[in-house]
Amino acid sequence: MVRRPDHDRSVGDRWPGLRHPGRSRDRPARRTRDQGESSGGGSMRGRRPTLKAVDGGLNRVPPMPSHLPESCLDDWRTTTADLQGRGLLLPAVLPVVAEYIGGLAIARECRAAIFKDGPIVRTAQGNPKPHPAANMLKSQGELVARLAAELGLTALGRSRAGIRDQERKADAAADPFDEFGL
């Protein structure tokens, strides 16, 4: 390309009546992420609400819902006992816990299918493609991670101020020798 001296000038210098396409005088330039727009794709704004123990929480762990497989019984008992011990197990939270446990079960089945068949399978024409369970495993993993954080089951979820305070109160009220049966 032959360089001409007029290539160094802006569009407005070469043709005074021509403006940048798509921008009028009334409309400012687009804002970038650095100028205050959120980079997240979610619709939630602001800080997450803190979880609080409430009066009226369940005193005992309820039975596992019948639609969940029996292989999830240990997960159900562990999760609900943890929430109940922190005073966070309410009847309104049980469907969220059931969804979390169901997501764990589906993720385990997908993982087992991928381990059995391999991550790459062949189509009817013999072409390689990713295992169909891989996409489902990804979506269930994201669901489980999000619900675990919301329920305060992860380390990051527990580090939120409201959960830390509840654990301190529960630890102060608990007998340290209960687990030994003394």
N, C-alpha and C. Protein backbone atom coordinates (compact mmCIF):
# COMPACT_ATOMS: atom_id res chain seq x y z
N MET A 1 0.84 -1.17 0.00
CA MET A 1 0.00 0.00 0.00
C MET A 1 0.89 1.23 0.00
N VAL A 2 0.57 2.15 -0.82
CA VAL A 2 1.32 3.41 -0.90
C VAL A 2 0.77 4.34 0.16
N ARG A 3 1.64 4.88 0.96
CA ARG A 3 1.22 5.78 2.02
C ARG A 3 1.16 7.20 1.53
N ARG A 4 0.04 7.79 1.74
CA ARG A 4 -0.09 9.20 1.37
C ARG A 4 -0.10 10.04 2.64
N PRO A 5 0.29 11.27 2.55
CA PRO A 5 0.33 12.11 3.74
C PRO A 5 -1.04 12.31 4.38
N ASP A 6 -2.11 12.23 3.61
CA ASP A 6 -3.43 12.47 4.20
C ASP A 6 -3.93 11.28 5.02
N HIS A 7 -3.24 10.13 5.01
CA HIS A 7 -3.66 8.97 5.81
C HIS A 7 -3.37 9.18 7.28
N ASP A 8 -2.50 10.10 7.62
CA ASP A 8 -2.16 10.32 9.01
C ASP A 8 -3.18 11.21 9.72
N ARG A 9 -4.02 11.84 8.98
CA ARG A 9 -5.00 12.73 9.58
C ARG A 9 -6.29 11.96 9.87
N SER A 10 -7.07 12.48 10.79
CA SER A 10 -8.33 11.83 11.12
C SER A 10 -9.37 12.12 10.05
N VAL A 11 -10.49 11.44 10.13
CA VAL A 11 -11.56 11.59 9.14
C VAL A 11 -12.07 13.02 9.13
N GLY A 12 -12.20 13.62 10.29
CA GLY A 12 -12.71 14.98 10.37
C GLY A 12 -11.77 16.00 9.77
N ASP A 13 -10.47 15.73 9.79
CA ASP A 13 -9.51 16.65 9.20
C ASP A 13 -9.59 16.60 7.68
N ARG A 14 -9.78 15.43 7.12
CA ARG A 14 -9.82 15.29 5.66
C ARG A 14 -11.13 15.80 5.09
N TRP A 15 -12.23 15.41 5.72
CA TRP A 15 -13.55 15.80 5.25
C TRP A 15 -14.31 16.41 6.43
N PRO A 16 -14.31 17.70 6.56
CA PRO A 16 -14.87 18.35 7.74
C PRO A 16 -16.34 18.02 7.99
N GLY A 17 -17.13 17.76 6.99
CA GLY A 17 -18.54 17.48 7.20
C GLY A 17 -18.83 16.03 7.60
N LEU A 18 -17.85 15.15 7.49
CA LEU A 18 -18.07 13.73 7.76
C LEU A 18 -17.78 13.43 9.22
N ARG A 19 -18.71 12.78 9.88
CA ARG A 19 -18.54 12.41 11.28
C ARG A 19 -18.31 10.91 11.39
N HIS A 20 -17.89 10.49 12.56
CA HIS A 20 -17.68 9.06 12.81
C HIS A 20 -19.01 8.35 12.63
N PRO A 21 -19.04 7.23 11.89
CA PRO A 21 -20.31 6.55 11.64
C PRO A 21 -20.92 6.02 12.94
N GLY A 22 -22.22 6.18 13.06
CA GLY A 22 -22.93 5.61 14.19
C GLY A 22 -22.93 6.47 15.44
N ARG A 23 -22.35 7.65 15.40
CA ARG A 23 -22.32 8.47 16.60
C ARG A 23 -22.82 9.87 16.27
N SER A 24 -23.79 10.33 17.02
CA SER A 24 -24.29 11.69 16.80
C SER A 24 -23.73 12.60 17.87
N ARG A 25 -23.99 13.87 17.73
CA ARG A 25 -23.49 14.82 18.73
C ARG A 25 -24.19 14.63 20.07
N ASP A 26 -25.45 14.24 20.03
CA ASP A 26 -26.23 14.11 21.26
C ASP A 26 -25.86 12.87 22.05
N ARG A 27 -25.41 11.85 21.37
CA ARG A 27 -25.17 10.57 22.03
C ARG A 27 -23.68 10.43 22.34
N PRO A 28 -23.34 10.21 23.61
CA PRO A 28 -21.92 10.03 23.93
C PRO A 28 -21.44 8.66 23.47
N ALA A 29 -20.13 8.48 23.50
CA ALA A 29 -19.55 7.19 23.13
C ALA A 29 -20.00 6.13 24.12
N ARG A 30 -19.95 4.88 23.72
CA ARG A 30 -20.34 3.78 24.59
C ARG A 30 -19.46 3.71 25.82
N ARG A 31 -20.09 3.27 26.91
CA ARG A 31 -19.32 3.08 28.13
C ARG A 31 -18.62 1.74 28.08
N THR A 32 -17.45 1.70 28.59
CA THR A 32 -16.72 0.43 28.66
C THR A 32 -16.89 -0.16 30.04
N ARG A 33 -16.40 -1.37 30.21
CA ARG A 33 -16.50 -2.04 31.49
C ARG A 33 -15.75 -1.26 32.57
N ASP A 34 -14.65 -0.58 32.19
CA ASP A 34 -13.87 0.17 33.16
C ASP A 34 -14.62 1.38 33.68
N GLN A 35 -15.63 1.81 32.97
CA GLN A 35 -16.36 3.00 33.37
C GLN A 35 -17.58 2.67 34.20
N GLY A 36 -17.66 1.48 34.72
CA GLY A 36 -18.70 1.19 35.68
C GLY A 36 -19.67 0.09 35.33
N GLU A 37 -19.66 -0.45 34.14
CA GLU A 37 -20.60 -1.51 33.83
C GLU A 37 -20.12 -2.82 34.44
N SER A 38 -21.05 -3.62 34.86
CA SER A 38 -20.72 -4.91 35.45
C SER A 38 -20.23 -5.86 34.37
N SER A 39 -19.27 -6.70 34.73
CA SER A 39 -18.78 -7.67 33.77
C SER A 39 -19.52 -8.99 33.88
N GLY A 40 -20.32 -9.19 34.93
CA GLY A 40 -21.03 -10.44 35.10
C GLY A 40 -22.23 -10.53 34.20
N GLY A 41 -22.65 -11.76 33.91
CA GLY A 41 -23.78 -11.94 33.03
C GLY A 41 -25.09 -12.09 33.78
N GLY A 42 -25.05 -12.16 35.11
CA GLY A 42 -26.25 -12.39 35.88
C GLY A 42 -27.08 -11.15 36.06
N SER A 43 -28.29 -11.34 36.59
CA SER A 43 -29.18 -10.21 36.78
C SER A 43 -29.16 -9.70 38.21
N MET A 44 -28.46 -10.38 39.09
CA MET A 44 -28.42 -9.96 40.49
C MET A 44 -27.47 -8.79 40.66
N ARG A 45 -27.91 -7.77 41.36
CA ARG A 45 -27.07 -6.61 41.61
C ARG A 45 -26.77 -6.53 43.09
N GLY A 46 -25.62 -6.00 43.40
CA GLY A 46 -25.27 -5.76 44.79
C GLY A 46 -24.72 -7.00 45.47
N ARG A 47 -24.62 -6.90 46.78
CA ARG A 47 -24.06 -7.99 47.56
C ARG A 47 -25.08 -9.10 47.75
N ARG A 48 -24.57 -10.29 47.98
CA ARG A 48 -25.47 -11.40 48.26
C ARG A 48 -26.07 -11.21 49.64
N PRO A 49 -27.30 -11.64 49.84
CA PRO A 49 -27.87 -11.53 51.18
C PRO A 49 -27.19 -12.52 52.11
N THR A 50 -27.12 -12.17 53.39
CA THR A 50 -26.50 -13.07 54.36
C THR A 50 -27.55 -14.06 54.84
N LEU A 51 -27.13 -15.29 55.05
CA LEU A 51 -28.02 -16.31 55.57
C LEU A 51 -28.14 -16.12 57.08
N LYS A 52 -29.35 -16.23 57.59
CA LYS A 52 -29.57 -16.04 59.02
C LYS A 52 -30.36 -17.21 59.56
N ALA A 53 -29.98 -17.65 60.75
CA ALA A 53 -30.77 -18.67 61.42
C ALA A 53 -32.07 -18.01 61.86
N VAL A 54 -33.15 -18.72 61.67
CA VAL A 54 -34.44 -18.15 62.02
C VAL A 54 -35.15 -19.07 62.99
N ASP A 55 -36.03 -18.46 63.78
CA ASP A 55 -36.87 -19.27 64.65
C ASP A 55 -37.85 -20.02 63.77
N GLY A 56 -38.17 -21.22 64.15
CA GLY A 56 -39.08 -22.02 63.35
C GLY A 56 -38.35 -22.95 62.40
N GLY A 57 -37.03 -23.03 62.53
CA GLY A 57 -36.27 -23.97 61.73
C GLY A 57 -36.62 -25.39 62.15
N LEU A 58 -36.37 -26.33 61.28
CA LEU A 58 -36.70 -27.72 61.57
C LEU A 58 -35.78 -28.26 62.66
N ASN A 59 -36.36 -28.98 63.62
CA ASN A 59 -35.57 -29.54 64.72
C ASN A 59 -34.94 -30.87 64.38
N ARG A 60 -35.50 -31.58 63.42
CA ARG A 60 -34.89 -32.85 63.01
C ARG A 60 -34.81 -32.89 61.50
N VAL A 61 -33.95 -33.76 61.04
CA VAL A 61 -33.73 -33.90 59.60
C VAL A 61 -34.92 -34.64 59.00
N PRO A 62 -35.58 -34.07 58.00
CA PRO A 62 -36.73 -34.74 57.38
C PRO A 62 -36.26 -35.89 56.49
N PRO A 63 -37.17 -36.81 56.18
CA PRO A 63 -36.79 -37.91 55.28
C PRO A 63 -36.54 -37.39 53.87
N MET A 64 -35.73 -38.13 53.14
CA MET A 64 -35.38 -37.74 51.78
C MET A 64 -36.62 -37.87 50.88
N PRO A 65 -36.83 -36.95 49.95
CA PRO A 65 -37.97 -37.06 49.03
C PRO A 65 -37.89 -38.35 48.21
N SER A 66 -39.05 -38.87 47.86
CA SER A 66 -39.11 -40.16 47.17
C SER A 66 -38.59 -40.09 45.73
N HIS A 67 -38.55 -38.91 45.12
CA HIS A 67 -38.10 -38.82 43.73
C HIS A 67 -36.58 -38.88 43.61
N LEU A 68 -35.86 -38.78 44.71
CA LEU A 68 -34.39 -38.88 44.66
C LEU A 68 -33.97 -40.33 44.78
N PRO A 69 -32.90 -40.74 44.10
CA PRO A 69 -32.45 -42.14 44.18
C PRO A 69 -31.89 -42.47 45.56
N GLU A 70 -31.98 -43.73 45.93
CA GLU A 70 -31.49 -44.19 47.24
C GLU A 70 -30.00 -43.97 47.41
N SER A 71 -29.26 -43.90 46.31
CA SER A 71 -27.81 -43.70 46.41
C SER A 71 -27.46 -42.32 46.98
N CYS A 72 -28.44 -41.44 47.06
CA CYS A 72 -28.20 -40.07 47.56
C CYS A 72 -28.54 -39.92 49.04
N LEU A 73 -28.91 -41.00 49.70
CA LEU A 73 -29.35 -40.90 51.08
C LEU A 73 -28.27 -40.31 51.99
N ASP A 74 -27.02 -40.74 51.83
CA ASP A 74 -25.94 -40.20 52.67
C ASP A 74 -25.75 -38.71 52.42
N ASP A 75 -25.81 -38.30 51.16
CA ASP A 75 -25.67 -36.87 50.85
C ASP A 75 -26.81 -36.07 51.47
N TRP A 76 -28.03 -36.61 51.38
CA TRP A 76 -29.19 -35.93 51.95
C TRP A 76 -29.01 -35.76 53.46
N ARG A 77 -28.65 -36.83 54.13
CA ARG A 77 -28.49 -36.76 55.59
C ARG A 77 -27.38 -35.79 55.99
N THR A 78 -26.26 -35.85 55.29
CA THR A 78 -25.13 -34.98 55.61
C THR A 78 -25.49 -33.51 55.39
N THR A 79 -26.09 -33.21 54.26
CA THR A 79 -26.42 -31.82 53.93
C THR A 79 -27.48 -31.26 54.86
N THR A 80 -28.55 -32.00 55.06
CA THR A 80 -29.62 -31.48 55.91
C THR A 80 -29.19 -31.40 57.37
N ALA A 81 -28.37 -32.34 57.83
CA ALA A 81 -27.88 -32.27 59.21
C ALA A 81 -26.99 -31.04 59.39
N ASP A 82 -26.17 -30.74 58.40
CA ASP A 82 -25.31 -29.56 58.46
C ASP A 82 -26.15 -28.28 58.53
N LEU A 83 -27.14 -28.17 57.66
CA LEU A 83 -28.00 -26.98 57.66
C LEU A 83 -28.82 -26.89 58.94
N GLN A 84 -29.30 -28.02 59.43
CA GLN A 84 -30.09 -28.03 60.65
C GLN A 84 -29.23 -27.64 61.85
N GLY A 85 -28.00 -28.10 61.87
CA GLY A 85 -27.10 -27.75 62.97
C GLY A 85 -26.76 -26.27 63.02
N ARG A 86 -26.80 -25.60 61.88
CA ARG A 86 -26.53 -24.16 61.82
C ARG A 86 -27.81 -23.34 61.90
N GLY A 87 -28.95 -23.99 62.06
CA GLY A 87 -30.21 -23.27 62.16
C GLY A 87 -30.71 -22.72 60.84
N LEU A 88 -30.26 -23.28 59.73
CA LEU A 88 -30.64 -22.77 58.41
C LEU A 88 -31.61 -23.70 57.67
N LEU A 89 -31.99 -24.80 58.27
CA LEU A 89 -32.88 -25.74 57.60
C LEU A 89 -34.33 -25.36 57.87
N LEU A 90 -34.98 -24.89 56.84
CA LEU A 90 -36.39 -24.48 56.91
C LEU A 90 -37.18 -25.29 55.90
N PRO A 91 -38.49 -25.37 56.07
CA PRO A 91 -39.29 -26.06 55.06
C PRO A 91 -39.13 -25.43 53.67
N ALA A 92 -38.92 -24.13 53.60
CA ALA A 92 -38.76 -23.46 52.31
C ALA A 92 -37.42 -23.78 51.65
N VAL A 93 -36.44 -24.23 52.42
CA VAL A 93 -35.11 -24.54 51.89
C VAL A 93 -35.05 -25.98 51.37
N LEU A 94 -35.96 -26.83 51.81
CA LEU A 94 -35.92 -28.25 51.43
C LEU A 94 -35.96 -28.49 49.92
N PRO A 95 -36.77 -27.77 49.13
CA PRO A 95 -36.72 -27.98 47.67
C PRO A 95 -35.37 -27.61 47.06
N VAL A 96 -34.70 -26.60 47.61
CA VAL A 96 -33.37 -26.23 47.11
C VAL A 96 -32.38 -27.34 47.43
N VAL A 97 -32.48 -27.89 48.63
CA VAL A 97 -31.60 -28.99 49.02
C VAL A 97 -31.88 -30.21 48.14
N ALA A 98 -33.15 -30.48 47.85
CA ALA A 98 -33.49 -31.61 46.99
C ALA A 98 -32.94 -31.41 45.58
N GLU A 99 -32.99 -30.18 45.07
CA GLU A 99 -32.43 -29.89 43.75
C GLU A 99 -30.91 -30.08 43.76
N TYR A 100 -30.27 -29.66 44.83
CA TYR A 100 -28.82 -29.83 44.98
C TYR A 100 -28.45 -31.31 44.99
N ILE A 101 -29.16 -32.10 45.76
CA ILE A 101 -28.87 -33.54 45.85
C ILE A 101 -29.18 -34.22 44.52
N GLY A 102 -30.28 -33.84 43.87
CA GLY A 102 -30.60 -34.40 42.55
C GLY A 102 -29.53 -34.06 41.52
N GLY A 103 -29.02 -32.84 41.57
CA GLY A 103 -27.93 -32.44 40.67
C GLY A 103 -26.68 -33.27 40.90
N LEU A 104 -26.38 -33.55 42.17
CA LEU A 104 -25.24 -34.42 42.48
C LEU A 104 -25.44 -35.81 41.89
N ALA A 105 -26.66 -36.34 42.00
CA ALA A 105 -26.93 -37.69 41.48
C ALA A 105 -26.78 -37.73 39.96
N ILE A 106 -27.31 -36.74 39.26
CA ILE A 106 -27.20 -36.71 37.80
C ILE A 106 -25.75 -36.55 37.38
N ALA A 107 -25.01 -35.69 38.08
CA ALA A 107 -23.59 -35.49 37.76
C ALA A 107 -22.81 -36.79 37.95
N ARG A 108 -23.13 -37.54 38.98
CA ARG A 108 -22.44 -38.83 39.20
C ARG A 108 -22.75 -39.82 38.08
N GLU A 109 -24.01 -39.87 37.65
CA GLU A 109 -24.37 -40.78 36.55
C GLU A 109 -23.67 -40.38 35.26
N CYS A 110 -23.61 -39.10 34.98
CA CYS A 110 -22.92 -38.62 33.77
C CYS A 110 -21.44 -38.96 33.83
N ARG A 111 -20.84 -38.74 34.99
CA ARG A 111 -19.42 -39.03 35.15
C ARG A 111 -19.16 -40.53 34.96
N ALA A 112 -20.03 -41.38 35.50
CA ALA A 112 -19.87 -42.82 35.34
C ALA A 112 -19.99 -43.22 33.87
N ALA A 113 -20.93 -42.62 33.14
CA ALA A 113 -21.09 -42.94 31.72
C ALA A 113 -19.86 -42.50 30.92
N ILE A 114 -19.31 -41.35 31.26
CA ILE A 114 -18.11 -40.87 30.55
C ILE A 114 -16.92 -41.76 30.86
N PHE A 115 -16.78 -42.19 32.11
CA PHE A 115 -15.68 -43.09 32.46
C PHE A 115 -15.82 -44.44 31.77
N LYS A 116 -17.06 -44.90 31.61
CA LYS A 116 -17.30 -46.20 30.98
C LYS A 116 -17.04 -46.14 29.47
N ASP A 117 -17.57 -45.12 28.80
CA ASP A 117 -17.48 -45.04 27.34
C ASP A 117 -16.31 -44.22 26.83
N GLY A 118 -15.72 -43.42 27.69
CA GLY A 118 -14.65 -42.52 27.26
C GLY A 118 -15.21 -41.15 26.92
N PRO A 119 -14.36 -40.13 26.92
CA PRO A 119 -14.86 -38.78 26.66
C PRO A 119 -15.24 -38.53 25.20
N ILE A 120 -14.72 -39.35 24.28
CA ILE A 120 -15.04 -39.22 22.86
C ILE A 120 -15.76 -40.49 22.42
N VAL A 121 -16.90 -40.32 21.75
CA VAL A 121 -17.65 -41.47 21.21
C VAL A 121 -17.75 -41.31 19.70
N ARG A 122 -18.14 -42.36 19.03
CA ARG A 122 -18.28 -42.35 17.57
C ARG A 122 -19.76 -42.26 17.20
N THR A 123 -20.04 -41.48 16.17
CA THR A 123 -21.41 -41.38 15.66
C THR A 123 -21.70 -42.61 14.80
N ALA A 124 -22.92 -42.70 14.27
CA ALA A 124 -23.29 -43.82 13.40
C ALA A 124 -22.44 -43.85 12.14
N GLN A 125 -21.98 -42.68 11.71
CA GLN A 125 -21.12 -42.61 10.53
C GLN A 125 -19.65 -42.84 10.87
N GLY A 126 -19.34 -43.00 12.14
CA GLY A 126 -17.96 -43.25 12.55
C GLY A 126 -17.16 -42.01 12.88
N ASN A 127 -17.81 -40.87 12.91
CA ASN A 127 -17.11 -39.63 13.23
C ASN A 127 -16.99 -39.47 14.75
N PRO A 128 -15.86 -38.99 15.24
CA PRO A 128 -15.73 -38.77 16.68
C PRO A 128 -16.48 -37.52 17.12
N LYS A 129 -17.07 -37.59 18.31
CA LYS A 129 -17.74 -36.43 18.89
C LYS A 129 -17.65 -36.55 20.41
N PRO A 130 -17.79 -35.44 21.12
CA PRO A 130 -17.76 -35.51 22.59
C PRO A 130 -18.92 -36.35 23.11
N HIS A 131 -18.69 -36.99 24.24
CA HIS A 131 -19.73 -37.82 24.85
C HIS A 131 -20.96 -36.94 25.14
N PRO A 132 -22.16 -37.42 24.85
CA PRO A 132 -23.37 -36.62 25.09
C PRO A 132 -23.56 -36.25 26.56
N ALA A 133 -23.04 -37.06 27.46
CA ALA A 133 -23.20 -36.76 28.89
C ALA A 133 -22.27 -35.64 29.35
N ALA A 134 -21.28 -35.27 28.54
CA ALA A 134 -20.33 -34.24 28.95
C ALA A 134 -21.01 -32.89 29.12
N ASN A 135 -21.90 -32.54 28.22
CA ASN A 135 -22.60 -31.26 28.32
C ASN A 135 -23.52 -31.24 29.53
N MET A 136 -24.20 -32.36 29.78
CA MET A 136 -25.08 -32.44 30.93
C MET A 136 -24.26 -32.39 32.23
N LEU A 137 -23.10 -33.03 32.23
CA LEU A 137 -22.23 -32.99 33.40
C LEU A 137 -21.80 -31.55 33.69
N LYS A 138 -21.48 -30.82 32.66
CA LYS A 138 -21.08 -29.42 32.84
C LYS A 138 -22.21 -28.59 33.45
N SER A 139 -23.41 -28.73 32.91
CA SER A 139 -24.53 -27.93 33.42
C SER A 139 -24.90 -28.33 34.84
N GLN A 140 -24.87 -29.63 35.14
CA GLN A 140 -25.18 -30.07 36.50
C GLN A 140 -24.09 -29.63 37.48
N GLY A 141 -22.84 -29.65 37.03
CA GLY A 141 -21.75 -29.18 37.89
C GLY A 141 -21.91 -27.71 38.25
N GLU A 142 -22.32 -26.90 37.27
CA GLU A 142 -22.55 -25.48 37.54
C GLU A 142 -23.72 -25.29 38.50
N LEU A 143 -24.79 -26.08 38.31
CA LEU A 143 -25.95 -26.00 39.19
C LEU A 143 -25.57 -26.37 40.62
N VAL A 144 -24.85 -27.48 40.76
CA VAL A 144 -24.46 -27.96 42.09
C VAL A 144 -23.56 -26.93 42.77
N ALA A 145 -22.61 -26.37 42.04
CA ALA A 145 -21.71 -25.38 42.63
C ALA A 145 -22.47 -24.13 43.08
N ARG A 146 -23.41 -23.68 42.26
CA ARG A 146 -24.18 -22.49 42.62
C ARG A 146 -25.07 -22.75 43.84
N LEU A 147 -25.74 -23.89 43.85
CA LEU A 147 -26.62 -24.20 44.99
C LEU A 147 -25.82 -24.44 46.26
N ALA A 148 -24.65 -25.08 46.14
CA ALA A 148 -23.81 -25.30 47.32
C ALA A 148 -23.36 -23.97 47.91
N ALA A 149 -23.02 -23.03 47.07
CA ALA A 149 -22.62 -21.71 47.57
C ALA A 149 -23.80 -20.98 48.21
N GLU A 150 -24.97 -21.08 47.60
CA GLU A 150 -26.15 -20.42 48.16
C GLU A 150 -26.55 -21.02 49.50
N LEU A 151 -26.38 -22.32 49.64
CA LEU A 151 -26.74 -22.97 50.90
C LEU A 151 -25.64 -22.84 51.94
N GLY A 152 -24.49 -22.32 51.56
CA GLY A 152 -23.38 -22.18 52.50
C GLY A 152 -22.64 -23.48 52.73
N LEU A 153 -22.60 -24.35 51.73
CA LEU A 153 -21.95 -25.65 51.88
C LEU A 153 -20.49 -25.63 51.43
N THR A 154 -20.08 -24.58 50.74
CA THR A 154 -18.69 -24.48 50.29
C THR A 154 -17.91 -23.60 51.26
N ALA A 155 -16.59 -23.66 51.15
CA ALA A 155 -15.76 -22.84 52.03
C ALA A 155 -16.02 -21.36 51.79
N LEU A 156 -16.17 -20.97 50.54
CA LEU A 156 -16.44 -19.56 50.24
C LEU A 156 -17.82 -19.16 50.74
N GLY A 157 -18.78 -20.05 50.58
CA GLY A 157 -20.13 -19.75 51.07
C GLY A 157 -20.17 -19.62 52.58
N ARG A 158 -19.40 -20.44 53.28
CA ARG A 158 -19.36 -20.36 54.74
C ARG A 158 -18.61 -19.13 55.22
N SER A 159 -17.73 -18.60 54.40
CA SER A 159 -16.94 -17.44 54.84
C SER A 159 -17.75 -16.15 54.83
N ARG A 160 -18.93 -16.18 54.25
CA ARG A 160 -19.77 -14.99 54.28
C ARG A 160 -20.12 -14.67 55.73
N ALA A 161 -20.23 -13.42 56.05
CA ALA A 161 -20.36 -12.96 57.43
C ALA A 161 -21.53 -13.60 58.16
N GLY A 162 -22.68 -13.69 57.54
CA GLY A 162 -23.85 -14.24 58.22
C GLY A 162 -23.67 -15.69 58.61
N ILE A 163 -23.02 -16.47 57.78
CA ILE A 163 -22.82 -17.88 58.08
C ILE A 163 -21.78 -18.05 59.16
N ARG A 164 -20.71 -17.25 59.13
CA ARG A 164 -19.67 -17.34 60.16
C ARG A 164 -20.26 -17.07 61.53
N ASP A 165 -21.10 -16.04 61.63
CA ASP A 165 -21.71 -15.71 62.92
C ASP A 165 -22.59 -16.84 63.41
N GLN A 166 -23.35 -17.47 62.50
CA GLN A 166 -24.22 -18.57 62.90
C GLN A 166 -23.41 -19.76 63.40
N GLU A 167 -22.28 -20.04 62.74
CA GLU A 167 -21.45 -21.16 63.17
C GLU A 167 -20.84 -20.89 64.53
N ARG A 168 -20.44 -19.65 64.79
CA ARG A 168 -19.87 -19.32 66.10
C ARG A 168 -20.92 -19.50 67.19
N LYS A 169 -22.15 -19.06 66.94
CA LYS A 169 -23.21 -19.22 67.93
C LYS A 169 -23.51 -20.69 68.17
N ALA A 170 -23.56 -21.48 67.09
CA ALA A 170 -23.84 -22.91 67.22
C ALA A 170 -22.71 -23.62 67.96
N ASP A 171 -21.46 -23.24 67.68
CA ASP A 171 -20.33 -23.86 68.36
C ASP A 171 -20.30 -23.49 69.84
N ALA A 172 -20.67 -22.27 70.17
CA ALA A 172 -20.67 -21.85 71.56
C ALA A 172 -21.76 -22.57 72.35
N ALA A 173 -22.88 -22.86 71.71
CA ALA A 173 -23.98 -23.52 72.39
C ALA A 173 -23.81 -25.04 72.45
N ALA A 174 -22.97 -25.59 71.61
CA ALA A 174 -22.83 -27.05 71.54
C ALA A 174 -21.91 -27.56 72.64
N ASP A 175 -22.18 -28.78 73.07
CA ASP A 175 -21.32 -29.45 74.05
C ASP A 175 -20.16 -30.07 73.28
N PRO A 176 -18.91 -29.75 73.64
CA PRO A 176 -17.78 -30.27 72.87
C PRO A 176 -17.59 -31.78 72.98
N PHE A 177 -18.26 -32.42 73.96
CA PHE A 177 -18.08 -33.85 74.14
C PHE A 177 -19.22 -34.68 73.57
N ASP A 178 -20.16 -34.04 72.84
CA ASP A 178 -21.29 -34.76 72.25
C ASP A 178 -20.83 -35.83 71.27
N GLU A 179 -19.84 -35.53 70.47
CA GLU A 179 -19.42 -36.48 69.45
C GLU A 179 -18.75 -37.72 70.04
N PHE A 180 -18.30 -37.63 71.30
CA PHE A 180 -17.65 -38.78 71.93
C PHE A 180 -18.61 -39.58 72.79
N GLY A 181 -19.83 -39.09 72.95
CA GLY A 181 -20.83 -39.82 73.73
C GLY A 181 -20.56 -39.77 75.22
N LEU A 182 -19.92 -38.74 75.70
CA LEU A 182 -19.62 -38.61 77.14
C LEU A 182 -20.63 -37.76 77.84
